[in-house]
Amino acid sequence: MKSKLYKKFHASKYQFKTHIVSGSGNVKGELVVGSKAALAHIQQSLGRTLDIVKTDHTRTEWVFCEKK
């Protein structure tokens, strides 16, 4: 059922995984959070920034909700 209050944007957790990037030498590694990467990809594909009101995460996808 579609929501009347929110416009939802979905991204796959299999495509945007949370992972660690290791560094070598003096460069430190970092933790790449999947939800942040997914949100950045959605915003880039839309060409605008989203005003996220809430996030719903299911087993297989990241869901970002914006007010209609």
Protein backbone atom coordinates (compact mmCIF):
# COMPACT_ATOMS: atom_id res chain seq x y z
CA MET A 1 0.00 0.00 0.00
CA LYS A 2 1.31 3.43 -0.91
CA SER A 3 1.86 5.98 1.80
CA LYS A 4 -0.19 9.18 1.68
CA LEU A 5 2.24 11.10 3.91
CA TYR A 6 5.66 10.10 2.60
CA LYS A 7 7.44 9.73 -0.70
CA LYS A 8 9.76 6.73 -0.38
CA PHE A 9 13.10 6.11 -2.05
CA HIS A 10 14.57 2.59 -2.04
CA ALA A 11 18.13 1.28 -2.40
CA SER A 12 19.34 -2.30 -2.17
CA LYS A 13 21.41 -3.39 0.84
CA TYR A 14 23.21 -5.86 -1.43
CA GLN A 15 24.42 -3.04 -3.66
CA PHE A 16 25.23 -0.58 -0.82
CA LYS A 17 26.85 -2.70 1.87
CA THR A 18 28.47 -1.45 5.06
CA HIS A 19 32.16 -2.28 4.71
CA ILE A 20 35.63 -1.36 5.93
CA VAL A 21 38.20 0.18 3.59
CA SER A 22 41.69 -0.67 4.81
CA GLY A 23 44.55 1.78 4.52
CA SER A 24 48.24 1.20 3.98
CA GLY A 25 51.24 3.13 5.23
CA ASN A 26 50.29 6.43 6.88
CA VAL A 27 46.76 6.34 5.43
CA LYS A 28 44.07 5.20 7.84
CA GLY A 29 41.16 3.06 6.78
CA GLU A 30 37.53 4.00 7.20
CA LEU A 31 34.12 2.47 7.78
CA VAL A 32 31.75 3.08 4.86
CA VAL A 33 28.16 2.99 6.12
CA GLY A 34 25.80 1.56 3.51
CA SER A 35 22.87 3.86 4.30
CA LYS A 36 24.97 7.00 3.76
CA ALA A 37 26.32 5.69 0.47
CA ALA A 38 22.80 4.76 -0.67
CA LEU A 39 21.43 8.19 0.25
CA ALA A 40 24.27 9.91 -1.63
CA HIS A 41 23.57 7.79 -4.72
CA ILE A 42 19.83 8.57 -4.62
CA GLN A 43 20.49 12.30 -4.24
CA GLN A 44 22.99 12.24 -7.10
CA SER A 45 20.58 10.42 -9.41
CA LEU A 46 17.75 12.84 -8.58
CA GLY A 47 19.97 15.91 -8.86
CA ARG A 48 18.74 17.42 -5.60
CA THR A 49 19.10 16.93 -1.85
CA LEU A 50 16.38 15.08 0.01
CA ASP A 51 14.78 16.33 3.21
CA ILE A 52 14.70 12.98 5.05
CA VAL A 53 12.01 12.80 7.72
CA LYS A 54 12.51 9.15 8.67
CA THR A 55 14.25 6.01 7.50
CA ASP A 56 12.79 2.53 7.32
CA HIS A 57 15.21 -0.34 6.84
CA THR A 58 13.87 -3.69 5.72
CA ARG A 59 15.86 -6.89 5.48
CA THR A 60 16.95 -6.27 1.90
CA GLU A 61 16.76 -2.51 1.31
CA TRP A 62 17.37 0.97 2.69
CA VAL A 63 14.19 3.10 2.61
CA PHE A 64 14.33 6.90 2.95
CA CYS A 65 11.07 8.79 3.53
CA GLU A 66 10.45 12.40 2.53
CA LYS A 67 7.25 14.39 3.21
CA LYS A 68 5.00 14.82 0.18
